[in-house]
Amino acid sequence: MNQKRVVLDDKHLPLAESILDKTGITNCSQLFAILLVNYGEKLVKALKQD
């Protein structure tokens, strides 16, 4: 399995930690994977709108 690292800017850390606390997700890597799987296609469509 290939792995990639994602760097989270310090200014976004409080929001990420809040989401972790509220959801029980264990770490930022897991959070990013969940967001990517569940919202990745929606993000692409939203960014490609005219």
C-alpha atoms as a PDB file:
ATOM      1  CA  MET A   1       0.000   0.000   0.000  1.00  0.00           C
ATOM      2  CA  ASN A   2       1.362   3.414  -0.965  1.00  0.00           C
ATOM      3  CA  GLN A   3       1.108   6.186   1.568  1.00  0.00           C
ATOM      4  CA  LYS A   4       1.231   9.956   1.207  1.00  0.00           C
ATOM      5  CA  ARG A   5       1.657  12.625   3.846  1.00  0.00           C
ATOM      6  CA  VAL A   6      -0.579  15.650   4.084  1.00  0.00           C
ATOM      7  CA  VAL A   7       0.611  18.784   5.854  1.00  0.00           C
ATOM      8  CA  LEU A   8      -2.066  20.642   7.784  1.00  0.00           C
ATOM      9  CA  ASP A   9      -1.498  24.357   8.249  1.00  0.00           C
ATOM     10  CA  ASP A  10      -1.459  25.347  11.923  1.00  0.00           C
ATOM     11  CA  LYS A  11      -4.389  27.724  11.418  1.00  0.00           C
ATOM     12  CA  HIS A  12      -6.634  24.743  10.529  1.00  0.00           C
ATOM     13  CA  LEU A  13      -5.561  22.560  13.448  1.00  0.00           C
ATOM     14  CA  PRO A  14      -8.199  23.855  15.926  1.00  0.00           C
ATOM     15  CA  LEU A  15     -11.017  22.940  13.513  1.00  0.00           C
ATOM     16  CA  ALA A  16      -9.516  19.518  12.849  1.00  0.00           C
ATOM     17  CA  GLU A  17      -9.113  18.842  16.573  1.00  0.00           C
ATOM     18  CA  SER A  18     -12.687  19.960  17.219  1.00  0.00           C
ATOM     19  CA  ILE A  19     -13.953  17.528  14.570  1.00  0.00           C
ATOM     20  CA  LEU A  20     -11.842  14.740  16.093  1.00  0.00           C
ATOM     21  CA  ASP A  21     -13.240  15.452  19.572  1.00  0.00           C
ATOM     22  CA  LYS A  22     -16.855  15.593  18.395  1.00  0.00           C
ATOM     23  CA  THR A  23     -16.737  12.533  16.133  1.00  0.00           C
ATOM     24  CA  GLY A  24     -14.366  10.152  17.848  1.00  0.00           C
ATOM     25  CA  ILE A  25     -12.168   9.947  14.765  1.00  0.00           C
ATOM     26  CA  THR A  26      -8.750   9.061  16.125  1.00  0.00           C
ATOM     27  CA  ASN A  27      -6.327  11.189  14.094  1.00  0.00           C
ATOM     28  CA  CYS A  28      -5.973  13.711  11.271  1.00  0.00           C
ATOM     29  CA  SER A  29      -4.940  11.047   8.768  1.00  0.00           C
ATOM     30  CA  GLN A  30      -8.151   9.142   9.361  1.00  0.00           C
ATOM     31  CA  LEU A  31     -10.145  12.394   9.217  1.00  0.00           C
ATOM     32  CA  PHE A  32      -8.619  13.328   5.865  1.00  0.00           C
ATOM     33  CA  ALA A  33      -9.318   9.873   4.435  1.00  0.00           C
ATOM     34  CA  ILE A  34     -12.963  10.023   5.545  1.00  0.00           C
ATOM     35  CA  LEU A  35     -13.406  13.508   4.088  1.00  0.00           C
ATOM     36  CA  LEU A  36     -11.758  12.457   0.825  1.00  0.00           C
ATOM     37  CA  VAL A  37     -13.896   9.352   0.402  1.00  0.00           C
ATOM     38  CA  ASN A  38     -17.176  11.002   1.384  1.00  0.00           C
ATOM     39  CA  TYR A  39     -16.789  14.465  -0.118  1.00  0.00           C
ATOM     40  CA  GLY A  40     -14.058  14.266  -2.766  1.00  0.00           C
ATOM     41  CA  GLU A  41     -16.385  14.001  -5.768  1.00  0.00           C
ATOM     42  CA  LYS A  42     -18.620  16.771  -4.427  1.00  0.00           C
ATOM     43  CA  LEU A  43     -15.581  19.012  -4.043  1.00  0.00           C
ATOM     44  CA  VAL A  44     -14.452  18.382  -7.623  1.00  0.00           C
ATOM     45  CA  LYS A  45     -17.939  19.127  -8.958  1.00  0.00           C
ATOM     46  CA  ALA A  46     -18.231  22.296  -6.863  1.00  0.00           C
ATOM     47  CA  LEU A  47     -14.846  23.592  -8.043  1.00  0.00           C
ATOM     48  CA  LYS A  48     -15.566  22.849 -11.689  1.00  0.00           C
ATOM     49  CA  GLN A  49     -18.873  24.744 -11.774  1.00  0.00           C
ATOM     50  CA  ASP A  50     -18.986  27.645 -14.212  1.00  0.00           C
END
